[in-house]
């Protein structure tokens, strides 16, 4: 073998090792990363706006789970969805009022345990799920994008936040939407 071929093979081998190492170190989907460190963080829920925190903890507060179209910009919404009711600008595809306290607790527990620190990753926010919680004249709306792992929340007191969220609530929300 010539020296040139050996150098080329070694370069190719080094490149392959770097690609494998990069794949192991940097996950493709940010939302798939577990947020165990966030779950153990003692002040995390306290960092949510107070109204949102109170409503997430109130097992009696009425809740609605939504499947929403992934874009709110008018030019990105298909014609057949433009007349649908909207939630923070996003067309509602389907929704379900959660009346069973155990199911509501299951949903809020899965969301609360999946919330992480401030969101700090660049992405295109395309939520497919949302929650609306209301009680005693207060309300909170949570938009969840499991593709990039971002949660945007707004509440009636003017509180808002962007947080990371892992993907563990997705099957819980999907199951809630399938039940009738």
C-alpha atoms as a PDB file:
ATOM      1  CA  UNK A   1       0.000   0.000   0.000  1.00  0.00           C
ATOM      2  CA  UNK A   2       1.233   3.426  -0.807  1.00  0.00           C
ATOM      3  CA  UNK A   3       1.731   6.092   1.790  1.00  0.00           C
ATOM      4  CA  UNK A   4      -1.034   8.179   0.172  1.00  0.00           C
ATOM      5  CA  UNK A   5      -3.589   5.362   0.532  1.00  0.00           C
ATOM      6  CA  UNK A   6      -2.649   4.741   4.153  1.00  0.00           C
ATOM      7  CA  UNK A   7      -3.094   8.434   4.982  1.00  0.00           C
ATOM      8  CA  UNK A   8      -6.451   8.464   3.148  1.00  0.00           C
ATOM      9  CA  UNK A   9      -7.660   5.346   5.023  1.00  0.00           C
ATOM     10  CA  UNK A  10      -6.545   6.743   8.384  1.00  0.00           C
ATOM     11  CA  UNK A  11      -8.274  10.041   7.625  1.00  0.00           C
ATOM     12  CA  UNK A  12     -11.462   8.210   6.675  1.00  0.00           C
ATOM     13  CA  UNK A  13     -11.268   6.087   9.827  1.00  0.00           C
ATOM     14  CA  UNK A  14     -10.749   9.164  12.004  1.00  0.00           C
ATOM     15  CA  UNK A  15     -13.718  10.872  10.332  1.00  0.00           C
ATOM     16  CA  UNK A  16     -15.923   7.799  10.979  1.00  0.00           C
ATOM     17  CA  UNK A  17     -14.892   7.734  14.666  1.00  0.00           C
ATOM     18  CA  UNK A  18     -15.695  11.444  15.001  1.00  0.00           C
ATOM     19  CA  UNK A  19     -19.117  10.998  13.386  1.00  0.00           C
ATOM     20  CA  UNK A  20     -19.980   8.141  15.760  1.00  0.00           C
ATOM     21  CA  UNK A  21     -18.750  10.106  18.773  1.00  0.00           C
ATOM     22  CA  UNK A  22     -20.770  13.154  17.705  1.00  0.00           C
ATOM     23  CA  UNK A  23     -23.928  11.042  17.303  1.00  0.00           C
ATOM     24  CA  UNK A  24     -23.464   9.635  20.815  1.00  0.00           C
ATOM     25  CA  UNK A  25     -22.796  13.014  22.417  1.00  0.00           C
ATOM     26  CA  UNK A  26     -25.370  15.189  20.626  1.00  0.00           C
ATOM     27  CA  UNK A  27     -28.882  13.726  20.405  1.00  0.00           C
ATOM     28  CA  UNK A  28     -30.856  14.359  17.237  1.00  0.00           C
ATOM     29  CA  UNK A  29     -34.021  15.327  19.096  1.00  0.00           C
ATOM     30  CA  UNK A  30     -33.624  17.681  22.034  1.00  0.00           C
ATOM     31  CA  UNK A  31     -37.040  16.658  23.361  1.00  0.00           C
ATOM     32  CA  UNK A  32     -35.899  13.051  23.753  1.00  0.00           C
ATOM     33  CA  UNK A  33     -33.324  13.993  26.372  1.00  0.00           C
ATOM     34  CA  UNK A  34     -34.439  13.121  29.895  1.00  0.00           C
ATOM     35  CA  UNK A  35     -34.616  16.076  32.224  1.00  0.00           C
ATOM     36  CA  UNK A  36     -33.814  14.154  35.387  1.00  0.00           C
ATOM     37  CA  UNK A  37     -31.551  16.945  36.540  1.00  0.00           C
ATOM     38  CA  UNK A  38     -34.463  19.373  36.212  1.00  0.00           C
ATOM     39  CA  UNK A  39     -36.835  17.109  38.106  1.00  0.00           C
ATOM     40  CA  UNK A  40     -34.439  17.119  41.032  1.00  0.00           C
ATOM     41  CA  UNK A  41     -34.038  20.899  40.899  1.00  0.00           C
ATOM     42  CA  UNK A  42     -35.758  22.266  43.970  1.00  0.00           C
ATOM     43  CA  UNK A  43     -36.816  25.707  42.749  1.00  0.00           C
ATOM     44  CA  UNK A  44     -37.979  24.723  39.283  1.00  0.00           C
ATOM     45  CA  UNK A  45     -41.757  24.817  39.819  1.00  0.00           C
ATOM     46  CA  UNK A  46     -41.336  28.020  41.808  1.00  0.00           C
ATOM     47  CA  UNK A  47     -39.866  29.583  38.657  1.00  0.00           C
ATOM     48  CA  UNK A  48     -43.183  29.156  36.812  1.00  0.00           C
ATOM     49  CA  UNK A  49     -45.595  32.086  36.909  1.00  0.00           C
ATOM     50  CA  UNK A  50     -47.641  31.895  40.109  1.00  0.00           C
ATOM     51  CA  UNK A  51     -51.054  31.590  38.426  1.00  0.00           C
ATOM     52  CA  UNK A  52     -49.816  28.742  36.221  1.00  0.00           C
ATOM     53  CA  UNK A  53     -48.241  26.984  39.197  1.00  0.00           C
ATOM     54  CA  UNK A  54     -51.462  27.274  41.229  1.00  0.00           C
ATOM     55  CA  UNK A  55     -53.612  25.952  38.385  1.00  0.00           C
ATOM     56  CA  UNK A  56     -51.266  23.019  37.688  1.00  0.00           C
ATOM     57  CA  UNK A  57     -51.494  22.055  41.365  1.00  0.00           C
ATOM     58  CA  UNK A  58     -55.290  22.478  41.663  1.00  0.00           C
ATOM     59  CA  UNK A  59     -56.795  19.043  40.941  1.00  0.00           C
ATOM     60  CA  UNK A  60     -60.289  20.560  40.753  1.00  0.00           C
ATOM     61  CA  UNK A  61     -59.509  23.162  38.066  1.00  0.00           C
ATOM     62  CA  UNK A  62     -61.184  22.305  34.751  1.00  0.00           C
ATOM     63  CA  UNK A  63     -58.712  21.303  32.044  1.00  0.00           C
ATOM     64  CA  UNK A  64     -58.958  20.909  28.288  1.00  0.00           C
ATOM     65  CA  UNK A  65     -56.406  19.000  26.207  1.00  0.00           C
ATOM     66  CA  UNK A  66     -55.980  20.085  22.585  1.00  0.00           C
ATOM     67  CA  UNK A  67     -54.443  18.815  19.393  1.00  0.00           C
ATOM     68  CA  UNK A  68     -53.547  21.947  17.442  1.00  0.00           C
ATOM     69  CA  UNK A  69     -52.267  22.764  13.976  1.00  0.00           C
ATOM     70  CA  UNK A  70     -48.551  23.396  14.167  1.00  0.00           C
ATOM     71  CA  UNK A  71     -48.512  26.959  12.795  1.00  0.00           C
ATOM     72  CA  UNK A  72     -50.392  30.097  13.835  1.00  0.00           C
ATOM     73  CA  UNK A  73     -49.259  32.301  10.927  1.00  0.00           C
ATOM     74  CA  UNK A  74     -52.202  32.852   8.612  1.00  0.00           C
ATOM     75  CA  UNK A  75     -50.210  32.090   5.451  1.00  0.00           C
ATOM     76  CA  UNK A  76     -49.105  28.726   6.920  1.00  0.00           C
ATOM     77  CA  UNK A  77     -52.615  27.532   7.800  1.00  0.00           C
ATOM     78  CA  UNK A  78     -54.349  25.342   5.190  1.00  0.00           C
ATOM     79  CA  UNK A  79     -57.559  26.839   3.810  1.00  0.00           C
ATOM     80  CA  UNK A  80     -59.735  24.117   5.363  1.00  0.00           C
ATOM     81  CA  UNK A  81     -58.490  25.018   8.875  1.00  0.00           C
ATOM     82  CA  UNK A  82     -58.808  28.805   8.694  1.00  0.00           C
ATOM     83  CA  UNK A  83     -62.377  28.921  10.025  1.00  0.00           C
ATOM     84  CA  UNK A  84     -61.716  26.636  12.992  1.00  0.00           C
ATOM     85  CA  UNK A  85     -61.678  27.942  16.561  1.00  0.00           C
ATOM     86  CA  UNK A  86     -58.175  28.892  17.713  1.00  0.00           C
ATOM     87  CA  UNK A  87     -56.084  28.715  20.826  1.00  0.00           C
ATOM     88  CA  UNK A  88     -53.495  31.513  20.991  1.00  0.00           C
ATOM     89  CA  UNK A  89     -53.755  31.736  17.214  1.00  0.00           C
ATOM     90  CA  UNK A  90     -53.306  28.003  16.534  1.00  0.00           C
ATOM     91  CA  UNK A  91     -56.265  26.239  14.829  1.00  0.00           C
ATOM     92  CA  UNK A  92     -57.760  23.556  17.071  1.00  0.00           C
ATOM     93  CA  UNK A  93     -57.898  20.142  15.407  1.00  0.00           C
ATOM     94  CA  UNK A  94     -59.584  18.354  18.295  1.00  0.00           C
ATOM     95  CA  UNK A  95     -60.051  18.864  22.007  1.00  0.00           C
ATOM     96  CA  UNK A  96     -61.346  17.092  25.062  1.00  0.00           C
ATOM     97  CA  UNK A  97     -62.468  18.394  28.433  1.00  0.00           C
ATOM     98  CA  UNK A  98     -60.857  16.381  31.222  1.00  0.00           C
ATOM     99  CA  UNK A  99     -63.446  15.751  33.939  1.00  0.00           C
ATOM    100  CA  UNK A 100     -62.025  12.699  35.692  1.00  0.00           C
ATOM    101  CA  UNK A 101     -59.803  13.888  38.600  1.00  0.00           C
ATOM    102  CA  UNK A 102     -57.485  10.862  38.300  1.00  0.00           C
ATOM    103  CA  UNK A 103     -56.937  11.467  34.592  1.00  0.00           C
ATOM    104  CA  UNK A 104     -56.358  15.176  35.213  1.00  0.00           C
ATOM    105  CA  UNK A 105     -53.797  14.338  37.897  1.00  0.00           C
ATOM    106  CA  UNK A 106     -52.074  11.903  35.504  1.00  0.00           C
ATOM    107  CA  UNK A 107     -51.803  14.633  32.862  1.00  0.00           C
ATOM    108  CA  UNK A 108     -50.621  17.388  35.208  1.00  0.00           C
ATOM    109  CA  UNK A 109     -48.141  15.061  36.933  1.00  0.00           C
ATOM    110  CA  UNK A 110     -46.638  14.048  33.579  1.00  0.00           C
ATOM    111  CA  UNK A 111     -46.347  17.678  32.439  1.00  0.00           C
ATOM    112  CA  UNK A 112     -45.038  19.010  35.769  1.00  0.00           C
ATOM    113  CA  UNK A 113     -42.389  16.289  36.022  1.00  0.00           C
ATOM    114  CA  UNK A 114     -41.237  16.901  32.433  1.00  0.00           C
ATOM    115  CA  UNK A 115     -40.747  20.670  32.714  1.00  0.00           C
ATOM    116  CA  UNK A 116     -37.137  21.757  32.667  1.00  0.00           C
ATOM    117  CA  UNK A 117     -35.244  25.017  32.970  1.00  0.00           C
ATOM    118  CA  UNK A 118     -35.437  28.018  30.641  1.00  0.00           C
ATOM    119  CA  UNK A 119     -35.500  27.030  26.985  1.00  0.00           C
ATOM    120  CA  UNK A 120     -32.206  27.886  25.321  1.00  0.00           C
ATOM    121  CA  UNK A 121     -32.152  25.968  22.020  1.00  0.00           C
ATOM    122  CA  UNK A 122     -32.834  27.493  18.615  1.00  0.00           C
ATOM    123  CA  UNK A 123     -35.669  25.708  16.891  1.00  0.00           C
ATOM    124  CA  UNK A 124     -38.787  26.203  14.841  1.00  0.00           C
ATOM    125  CA  UNK A 125     -41.600  26.004  17.388  1.00  0.00           C
ATOM    126  CA  UNK A 126     -44.319  23.717  15.987  1.00  0.00           C
ATOM    127  CA  UNK A 127     -46.582  22.658  18.841  1.00  0.00           C
ATOM    128  CA  UNK A 128     -49.067  19.873  18.310  1.00  0.00           C
ATOM    129  CA  UNK A 129     -50.472  19.754  21.842  1.00  0.00           C
ATOM    130  CA  UNK A 130     -51.865  22.315  24.252  1.00  0.00           C
ATOM    131  CA  UNK A 131     -53.472  22.442  27.687  1.00  0.00           C
ATOM    132  CA  UNK A 132     -55.884  25.017  28.985  1.00  0.00           C
ATOM    133  CA  UNK A 133     -56.608  25.174  32.714  1.00  0.00           C
ATOM    134  CA  UNK A 134     -59.038  27.573  34.355  1.00  0.00           C
ATOM    135  CA  UNK A 135     -60.516  28.185  37.794  1.00  0.00           C
ATOM    136  CA  UNK A 136     -61.776  31.107  39.892  1.00  0.00           C
ATOM    137  CA  UNK A 137     -61.387  33.601  37.073  1.00  0.00           C
ATOM    138  CA  UNK A 138     -57.788  32.517  36.387  1.00  0.00           C
ATOM    139  CA  UNK A 139     -56.503  30.661  33.352  1.00  0.00           C
ATOM    140  CA  UNK A 140     -53.289  29.231  31.954  1.00  0.00           C
ATOM    141  CA  UNK A 141     -52.494  27.942  28.483  1.00  0.00           C
ATOM    142  CA  UNK A 142     -49.531  25.680  27.763  1.00  0.00           C
ATOM    143  CA  UNK A 143     -48.313  25.025  24.200  1.00  0.00           C
ATOM    144  CA  UNK A 144     -46.064  21.968  23.898  1.00  0.00           C
ATOM    145  CA  UNK A 145     -43.626  21.212  21.087  1.00  0.00           C
ATOM    146  CA  UNK A 146     -42.194  17.734  21.589  1.00  0.00           C
ATOM    147  CA  UNK A 147     -40.154  18.018  18.391  1.00  0.00           C
ATOM    148  CA  UNK A 148     -37.738  20.553  19.864  1.00  0.00           C
ATOM    149  CA  UNK A 149     -38.661  20.207  23.529  1.00  0.00           C
ATOM    150  CA  UNK A 150     -40.107  23.680  24.113  1.00  0.00           C
ATOM    151  CA  UNK A 151     -43.039  24.617  26.338  1.00  0.00           C
ATOM    152  CA  UNK A 152     -44.553  28.093  26.057  1.00  0.00           C
ATOM    153  CA  UNK A 153     -47.020  29.112  28.711  1.00  0.00           C
ATOM    154  CA  UNK A 154     -49.181  32.164  29.263  1.00  0.00           C
ATOM    155  CA  UNK A 155     -51.590  32.872  32.075  1.00  0.00           C
ATOM    156  CA  UNK A 156     -54.324  35.368  32.887  1.00  0.00           C
ATOM    157  CA  UNK A 157     -52.119  37.317  35.301  1.00  0.00           C
ATOM    158  CA  UNK A 158     -49.804  38.240  32.414  1.00  0.00           C
ATOM    159  CA  UNK A 159     -47.274  35.596  33.399  1.00  0.00           C
ATOM    160  CA  UNK A 160     -45.437  33.823  30.613  1.00  0.00           C
ATOM    161  CA  UNK A 161     -42.413  31.575  30.260  1.00  0.00           C
ATOM    162  CA  UNK A 162     -40.502  29.404  27.835  1.00  0.00           C
ATOM    163  CA  UNK A 163     -39.248  26.183  29.361  1.00  0.00           C
ATOM    164  CA  UNK A 164     -37.733  22.941  28.203  1.00  0.00           C
ATOM    165  CA  UNK A 165     -39.950  19.896  28.345  1.00  0.00           C
ATOM    166  CA  UNK A 166     -39.081  16.282  27.693  1.00  0.00           C
ATOM    167  CA  UNK A 167     -41.313  14.033  25.608  1.00  0.00           C
ATOM    168  CA  UNK A 168     -42.782  11.896  28.427  1.00  0.00           C
ATOM    169  CA  UNK A 169     -46.193  13.694  28.464  1.00  0.00           C
ATOM    170  CA  UNK A 170     -46.809  13.121  24.746  1.00  0.00           C
ATOM    171  CA  UNK A 171     -48.315   9.597  25.028  1.00  0.00           C
ATOM    172  CA  UNK A 172     -50.381  10.703  28.049  1.00  0.00           C
ATOM    173  CA  UNK A 173     -51.838  13.629  26.075  1.00  0.00           C
ATOM    174  CA  UNK A 174     -52.383  11.467  22.970  1.00  0.00           C
ATOM    175  CA  UNK A 175     -54.254   8.890  25.059  1.00  0.00           C
ATOM    176  CA  UNK A 176     -56.398  11.619  26.637  1.00  0.00           C
ATOM    177  CA  UNK A 177     -57.335  12.944  23.197  1.00  0.00           C
ATOM    178  CA  UNK A 178     -58.275   9.452  21.958  1.00  0.00           C
ATOM    179  CA  UNK A 179     -60.663   8.812  24.879  1.00  0.00           C
ATOM    180  CA  UNK A 180     -64.248   9.932  24.385  1.00  0.00           C
END
